[in-house]
């Protein structure tokens, strides 16, 4: 009987502590947010899921992905992560390339690639522009621009080894300037 009372007392103490723990955790959720609560140690993936859910106002991409995986028996080995890019840099890159036909405009990966650009005065050479937005922040190194040019020799297109760093720099600067204007007009 004595042991039964001791066990019962311990169970009450544990139950009381767990409710206090839950109360404390709930209070810290209000202060820090659920994702940054020090009483909620989250793995890196769970933290990213939590942040995505907070930004999305409830349901996140990861919730949808887990529902899909559960519904189709997928073990989650094919996980897709979305890469967010700065919206001002992205819009500016689109604005700068709007006069060229685009081959790729992937806002999740931050990649813009034009079709081959051929000047009517020089039909034996062509170039394309690749722009990569690599930052979530509006920063000067958040954009990479590459020119790829080819010349037609004996009915074959061959890569030219010319340096187009000035042209790349000019497009990058135009993107940054346009992005800055867009950012300032939103505030």
C-alpha atoms as a PDB file:
ATOM      1  CA  UNK A   1       0.000   0.000   0.000  1.00  0.00           C
ATOM      2  CA  UNK A   2       2.842   2.352   0.884  1.00  0.00           C
ATOM      3  CA  UNK A   3       4.492   1.732  -2.511  1.00  0.00           C
ATOM      4  CA  UNK A   4       1.208   2.374  -4.237  1.00  0.00           C
ATOM      5  CA  UNK A   5       0.940   5.785  -2.543  1.00  0.00           C
ATOM      6  CA  UNK A   6       4.509   6.652  -3.534  1.00  0.00           C
ATOM      7  CA  UNK A   7       3.869   5.685  -7.156  1.00  0.00           C
ATOM      8  CA  UNK A   8       0.607   7.640  -7.150  1.00  0.00           C
ATOM      9  CA  UNK A   9       2.397  10.686  -5.710  1.00  0.00           C
ATOM     10  CA  UNK A  10       5.131  10.476  -8.343  1.00  0.00           C
ATOM     11  CA  UNK A  11       2.540  10.241 -11.113  1.00  0.00           C
ATOM     12  CA  UNK A  12       0.799  13.367  -9.803  1.00  0.00           C
ATOM     13  CA  UNK A  13       4.114  15.227  -9.645  1.00  0.00           C
ATOM     14  CA  UNK A  14       5.018  14.231 -13.211  1.00  0.00           C
ATOM     15  CA  UNK A  15       1.563  15.186 -14.470  1.00  0.00           C
ATOM     16  CA  UNK A  16       1.809  18.553 -12.704  1.00  0.00           C
ATOM     17  CA  UNK A  17       5.237  19.235 -14.178  1.00  0.00           C
ATOM     18  CA  UNK A  18       4.162  18.327 -17.678  1.00  0.00           C
ATOM     19  CA  UNK A  19       1.213  20.718 -17.566  1.00  0.00           C
ATOM     20  CA  UNK A  20       3.551  23.465 -16.288  1.00  0.00           C
ATOM     21  CA  UNK A  21       5.943  22.628 -19.102  1.00  0.00           C
ATOM     22  CA  UNK A  22       3.147  22.911 -21.663  1.00  0.00           C
ATOM     23  CA  UNK A  23       2.016  26.217 -20.139  1.00  0.00           C
ATOM     24  CA  UNK A  24       5.593  27.555 -20.237  1.00  0.00           C
ATOM     25  CA  UNK A  25       6.055  26.370 -23.808  1.00  0.00           C
ATOM     26  CA  UNK A  26       2.784  28.019 -24.858  1.00  0.00           C
ATOM     27  CA  UNK A  27       3.814  31.287 -23.214  1.00  0.00           C
ATOM     28  CA  UNK A  28       7.194  31.188 -24.964  1.00  0.00           C
ATOM     29  CA  UNK A  29       5.412  30.475 -28.265  1.00  0.00           C
ATOM     30  CA  UNK A  30       3.676  33.822 -27.865  1.00  0.00           C
ATOM     31  CA  UNK A  31       6.961  35.606 -27.129  1.00  0.00           C
ATOM     32  CA  UNK A  32       9.325  33.935 -29.628  1.00  0.00           C
ATOM     33  CA  UNK A  33       6.933  32.304 -32.065  1.00  0.00           C
ATOM     34  CA  UNK A  34       6.540  28.569 -32.370  1.00  0.00           C
ATOM     35  CA  UNK A  35       9.562  28.125 -34.655  1.00  0.00           C
ATOM     36  CA  UNK A  36      12.063  30.060 -32.492  1.00  0.00           C
ATOM     37  CA  UNK A  37      10.836  28.868 -29.105  1.00  0.00           C
ATOM     38  CA  UNK A  38      13.840  27.614 -27.080  1.00  0.00           C
ATOM     39  CA  UNK A  39      11.634  24.901 -25.551  1.00  0.00           C
ATOM     40  CA  UNK A  40      10.925  23.485 -29.020  1.00  0.00           C
ATOM     41  CA  UNK A  41      14.228  22.129 -30.288  1.00  0.00           C
ATOM     42  CA  UNK A  42      13.615  21.534 -34.004  1.00  0.00           C
ATOM     43  CA  UNK A  43      15.816  19.818 -36.551  1.00  0.00           C
ATOM     44  CA  UNK A  44      16.951  21.952 -39.485  1.00  0.00           C
ATOM     45  CA  UNK A  45      14.292  20.480 -41.766  1.00  0.00           C
ATOM     46  CA  UNK A  46      11.510  20.871 -39.185  1.00  0.00           C
ATOM     47  CA  UNK A  47      12.626  24.469 -38.542  1.00  0.00           C
ATOM     48  CA  UNK A  48      12.433  25.256 -42.286  1.00  0.00           C
ATOM     49  CA  UNK A  49       9.007  23.628 -42.450  1.00  0.00           C
ATOM     50  CA  UNK A  50       7.840  25.648 -39.444  1.00  0.00           C
ATOM     51  CA  UNK A  51       9.090  28.945 -40.938  1.00  0.00           C
ATOM     52  CA  UNK A  52       7.451  28.113 -44.285  1.00  0.00           C
ATOM     53  CA  UNK A  53       4.205  27.348 -42.487  1.00  0.00           C
ATOM     54  CA  UNK A  54       4.348  30.649 -40.557  1.00  0.00           C
ATOM     55  CA  UNK A  55       5.003  32.616 -43.754  1.00  0.00           C
ATOM     56  CA  UNK A  56       2.216  30.806 -45.558  1.00  0.00           C
ATOM     57  CA  UNK A  57      -0.277  31.530 -42.820  1.00  0.00           C
ATOM     58  CA  UNK A  58      -0.896  27.907 -41.907  1.00  0.00           C
ATOM     59  CA  UNK A  59      -0.436  25.287 -44.582  1.00  0.00           C
ATOM     60  CA  UNK A  60       3.009  25.008 -46.105  1.00  0.00           C
ATOM     61  CA  UNK A  61       4.453  23.331 -49.151  1.00  0.00           C
ATOM     62  CA  UNK A  62       5.872  20.677 -46.844  1.00  0.00           C
ATOM     63  CA  UNK A  63       2.378  19.842 -45.550  1.00  0.00           C
ATOM     64  CA  UNK A  64       1.212  19.359 -49.116  1.00  0.00           C
ATOM     65  CA  UNK A  65       4.298  17.310 -49.926  1.00  0.00           C
ATOM     66  CA  UNK A  66       3.761  15.052 -46.894  1.00  0.00           C
ATOM     67  CA  UNK A  67       0.103  14.580 -47.826  1.00  0.00           C
ATOM     68  CA  UNK A  68       1.161  13.610 -51.341  1.00  0.00           C
ATOM     69  CA  UNK A  69       3.829  11.221 -50.062  1.00  0.00           C
ATOM     70  CA  UNK A  70       1.424   9.575 -47.627  1.00  0.00           C
ATOM     71  CA  UNK A  71      -1.320   9.274 -50.238  1.00  0.00           C
ATOM     72  CA  UNK A  72       0.945   7.637 -52.807  1.00  0.00           C
ATOM     73  CA  UNK A  73       3.155   5.617 -50.490  1.00  0.00           C
ATOM     74  CA  UNK A  74       6.258   7.638 -51.246  1.00  0.00           C
ATOM     75  CA  UNK A  75       8.795   7.494 -48.435  1.00  0.00           C
ATOM     76  CA  UNK A  76       9.790  11.131 -48.949  1.00  0.00           C
ATOM     77  CA  UNK A  77      13.073  10.346 -50.692  1.00  0.00           C
ATOM     78  CA  UNK A  78      12.267  12.776 -53.522  1.00  0.00           C
ATOM     79  CA  UNK A  79      12.070  16.007 -51.572  1.00  0.00           C
ATOM     80  CA  UNK A  80      11.859  19.257 -53.506  1.00  0.00           C
ATOM     81  CA  UNK A  81      13.134  22.414 -51.834  1.00  0.00           C
ATOM     82  CA  UNK A  82      12.078  25.766 -53.192  1.00  0.00           C
ATOM     83  CA  UNK A  83      14.611  28.520 -53.457  1.00  0.00           C
ATOM     84  CA  UNK A  84      13.243  31.972 -52.757  1.00  0.00           C
ATOM     85  CA  UNK A  85      14.743  34.871 -54.681  1.00  0.00           C
ATOM     86  CA  UNK A  86      14.479  38.575 -54.079  1.00  0.00           C
ATOM     87  CA  UNK A  87      11.331  39.756 -55.868  1.00  0.00           C
ATOM     88  CA  UNK A  88      12.844  43.117 -56.845  1.00  0.00           C
ATOM     89  CA  UNK A  89      15.935  41.506 -58.393  1.00  0.00           C
ATOM     90  CA  UNK A  90      13.718  38.977 -60.164  1.00  0.00           C
ATOM     91  CA  UNK A  91      11.364  41.605 -61.593  1.00  0.00           C
ATOM     92  CA  UNK A  92      14.305  43.790 -62.614  1.00  0.00           C
ATOM     93  CA  UNK A  93      15.956  40.868 -64.434  1.00  0.00           C
ATOM     94  CA  UNK A  94      12.692  40.233 -66.290  1.00  0.00           C
ATOM     95  CA  UNK A  95      12.386  43.925 -67.167  1.00  0.00           C
ATOM     96  CA  UNK A  96      15.945  44.087 -68.497  1.00  0.00           C
ATOM     97  CA  UNK A  97      15.447  41.001 -70.701  1.00  0.00           C
ATOM     98  CA  UNK A  98      11.906  41.798 -71.873  1.00  0.00           C
ATOM     99  CA  UNK A  99      13.029  42.737 -75.397  1.00  0.00           C
ATOM    100  CA  UNK A 100      14.474  39.238 -75.954  1.00  0.00           C
ATOM    101  CA  UNK A 101      12.536  35.993 -76.331  1.00  0.00           C
ATOM    102  CA  UNK A 102      12.996  33.931 -73.174  1.00  0.00           C
ATOM    103  CA  UNK A 103      13.788  30.242 -73.132  1.00  0.00           C
ATOM    104  CA  UNK A 104      13.678  29.837 -69.339  1.00  0.00           C
ATOM    105  CA  UNK A 105      12.191  32.032 -66.623  1.00  0.00           C
ATOM    106  CA  UNK A 106      12.277  29.976 -63.420  1.00  0.00           C
ATOM    107  CA  UNK A 107      11.473  32.242 -60.475  1.00  0.00           C
ATOM    108  CA  UNK A 108      11.923  29.461 -57.900  1.00  0.00           C
ATOM    109  CA  UNK A 109      15.450  28.683 -59.070  1.00  0.00           C
ATOM    110  CA  UNK A 110      16.146  32.293 -60.007  1.00  0.00           C
ATOM    111  CA  UNK A 111      17.200  31.487 -63.583  1.00  0.00           C
ATOM    112  CA  UNK A 112      16.450  33.473 -66.725  1.00  0.00           C
ATOM    113  CA  UNK A 113      17.846  32.382 -70.073  1.00  0.00           C
ATOM    114  CA  UNK A 114      17.117  33.987 -73.430  1.00  0.00           C
ATOM    115  CA  UNK A 115      16.739  32.233 -76.750  1.00  0.00           C
ATOM    116  CA  UNK A 116      19.668  32.687 -79.121  1.00  0.00           C
ATOM    117  CA  UNK A 117      19.893  36.340 -80.114  1.00  0.00           C
ATOM    118  CA  UNK A 118      20.926  36.844 -83.725  1.00  0.00           C
ATOM    119  CA  UNK A 119      21.669  40.267 -85.174  1.00  0.00           C
ATOM    120  CA  UNK A 120      20.250  40.643 -88.690  1.00  0.00           C
ATOM    121  CA  UNK A 121      23.548  42.243 -89.770  1.00  0.00           C
ATOM    122  CA  UNK A 122      25.650  39.275 -88.609  1.00  0.00           C
ATOM    123  CA  UNK A 123      23.813  36.015 -89.249  1.00  0.00           C
ATOM    124  CA  UNK A 124      26.933  33.957 -88.560  1.00  0.00           C
ATOM    125  CA  UNK A 125      27.089  34.856 -84.865  1.00  0.00           C
ATOM    126  CA  UNK A 126      24.654  34.488 -82.013  1.00  0.00           C
ATOM    127  CA  UNK A 127      24.574  35.055 -78.257  1.00  0.00           C
ATOM    128  CA  UNK A 128      22.353  34.210 -75.351  1.00  0.00           C
ATOM    129  CA  UNK A 129      22.106  35.749 -71.914  1.00  0.00           C
ATOM    130  CA  UNK A 130      21.860  33.788 -68.682  1.00  0.00           C
ATOM    131  CA  UNK A 131      20.898  35.616 -65.517  1.00  0.00           C
ATOM    132  CA  UNK A 132      20.857  33.963 -62.134  1.00  0.00           C
ATOM    133  CA  UNK A 133      19.266  35.657 -59.113  1.00  0.00           C
ATOM    134  CA  UNK A 134      21.023  34.015 -56.177  1.00  0.00           C
ATOM    135  CA  UNK A 135      19.909  36.038 -53.193  1.00  0.00           C
ATOM    136  CA  UNK A 136      16.804  36.551 -51.123  1.00  0.00           C
ATOM    137  CA  UNK A 137      18.142  40.004 -50.226  1.00  0.00           C
ATOM    138  CA  UNK A 138      18.550  43.025 -52.469  1.00  0.00           C
ATOM    139  CA  UNK A 139      22.360  43.002 -52.502  1.00  0.00           C
ATOM    140  CA  UNK A 140      24.895  43.857 -55.204  1.00  0.00           C
ATOM    141  CA  UNK A 141      26.212  40.302 -55.460  1.00  0.00           C
ATOM    142  CA  UNK A 142      22.705  38.808 -55.645  1.00  0.00           C
ATOM    143  CA  UNK A 143      22.789  38.549 -59.461  1.00  0.00           C
ATOM    144  CA  UNK A 144      25.102  36.724 -61.843  1.00  0.00           C
ATOM    145  CA  UNK A 145      25.030  37.444 -65.576  1.00  0.00           C
ATOM    146  CA  UNK A 146      26.690  35.394 -68.317  1.00  0.00           C
ATOM    147  CA  UNK A 147      26.936  35.931 -72.061  1.00  0.00           C
ATOM    148  CA  UNK A 148      27.430  32.856 -74.203  1.00  0.00           C
ATOM    149  CA  UNK A 149      28.261  33.516 -77.835  1.00  0.00           C
ATOM    150  CA  UNK A 150      28.870  31.279 -80.814  1.00  0.00           C
ATOM    151  CA  UNK A 151      30.052  31.730 -84.389  1.00  0.00           C
ATOM    152  CA  UNK A 152      28.949  29.695 -87.360  1.00  0.00           C
ATOM    153  CA  UNK A 153      31.942  28.126 -89.063  1.00  0.00           C
ATOM    154  CA  UNK A 154      31.424  25.520 -91.805  1.00  0.00           C
ATOM    155  CA  UNK A 155      27.730  25.153 -90.863  1.00  0.00           C
ATOM    156  CA  UNK A 156      28.605  24.429 -87.215  1.00  0.00           C
ATOM    157  CA  UNK A 157      28.038  26.701 -84.234  1.00  0.00           C
ATOM    158  CA  UNK A 158      31.248  26.977 -82.204  1.00  0.00           C
ATOM    159  CA  UNK A 159      31.782  28.702 -78.862  1.00  0.00           C
ATOM    160  CA  UNK A 160      33.753  31.936 -79.063  1.00  0.00           C
ATOM    161  CA  UNK A 161      36.374  32.567 -76.443  1.00  0.00           C
ATOM    162  CA  UNK A 162      35.734  36.310 -76.349  1.00  0.00           C
ATOM    163  CA  UNK A 163      35.582  38.152 -73.056  1.00  0.00           C
ATOM    164  CA  UNK A 164      32.124  39.631 -72.490  1.00  0.00           C
ATOM    165  CA  UNK A 165      32.709  40.758 -68.904  1.00  0.00           C
ATOM    166  CA  UNK A 166      31.903  44.411 -69.732  1.00  0.00           C
ATOM    167  CA  UNK A 167      28.547  43.459 -71.265  1.00  0.00           C
ATOM    168  CA  UNK A 168      27.808  41.162 -68.330  1.00  0.00           C
ATOM    169  CA  UNK A 169      28.677  43.949 -65.895  1.00  0.00           C
ATOM    170  CA  UNK A 170      26.444  46.450 -67.720  1.00  0.00           C
ATOM    171  CA  UNK A 171      23.433  44.123 -67.581  1.00  0.00           C
ATOM    172  CA  UNK A 172      24.075  43.325 -63.923  1.00  0.00           C
ATOM    173  CA  UNK A 173      24.287  47.034 -63.077  1.00  0.00           C
ATOM    174  CA  UNK A 174      21.068  47.716 -65.005  1.00  0.00           C
ATOM    175  CA  UNK A 175      19.308  44.924 -63.054  1.00  0.00           C
ATOM    176  CA  UNK A 176      20.581  46.283 -59.726  1.00  0.00           C
ATOM    177  CA  UNK A 177      19.541  49.840 -60.618  1.00  0.00           C
ATOM    178  CA  UNK A 178      16.073  48.731 -61.721  1.00  0.00           C
ATOM    179  CA  UNK A 179      15.676  46.545 -58.607  1.00  0.00           C
ATOM    180  CA  UNK A 180      16.650  49.469 -56.393  1.00  0.00           C
ATOM    181  CA  UNK A 181      14.073  51.687 -58.121  1.00  0.00           C
ATOM    182  CA  UNK A 182      11.411  48.992 -57.678  1.00  0.00           C
ATOM    183  CA  UNK A 183      12.301  48.598 -54.013  1.00  0.00           C
ATOM    184  CA  UNK A 184      12.163  52.342 -53.379  1.00  0.00           C
ATOM    185  CA  UNK A 185       8.820  52.707 -55.152  1.00  0.00           C
ATOM    186  CA  UNK A 186       7.263  50.015 -52.893  1.00  0.00           C
ATOM    187  CA  UNK A 187       8.215  51.810 -49.662  1.00  0.00           C
END
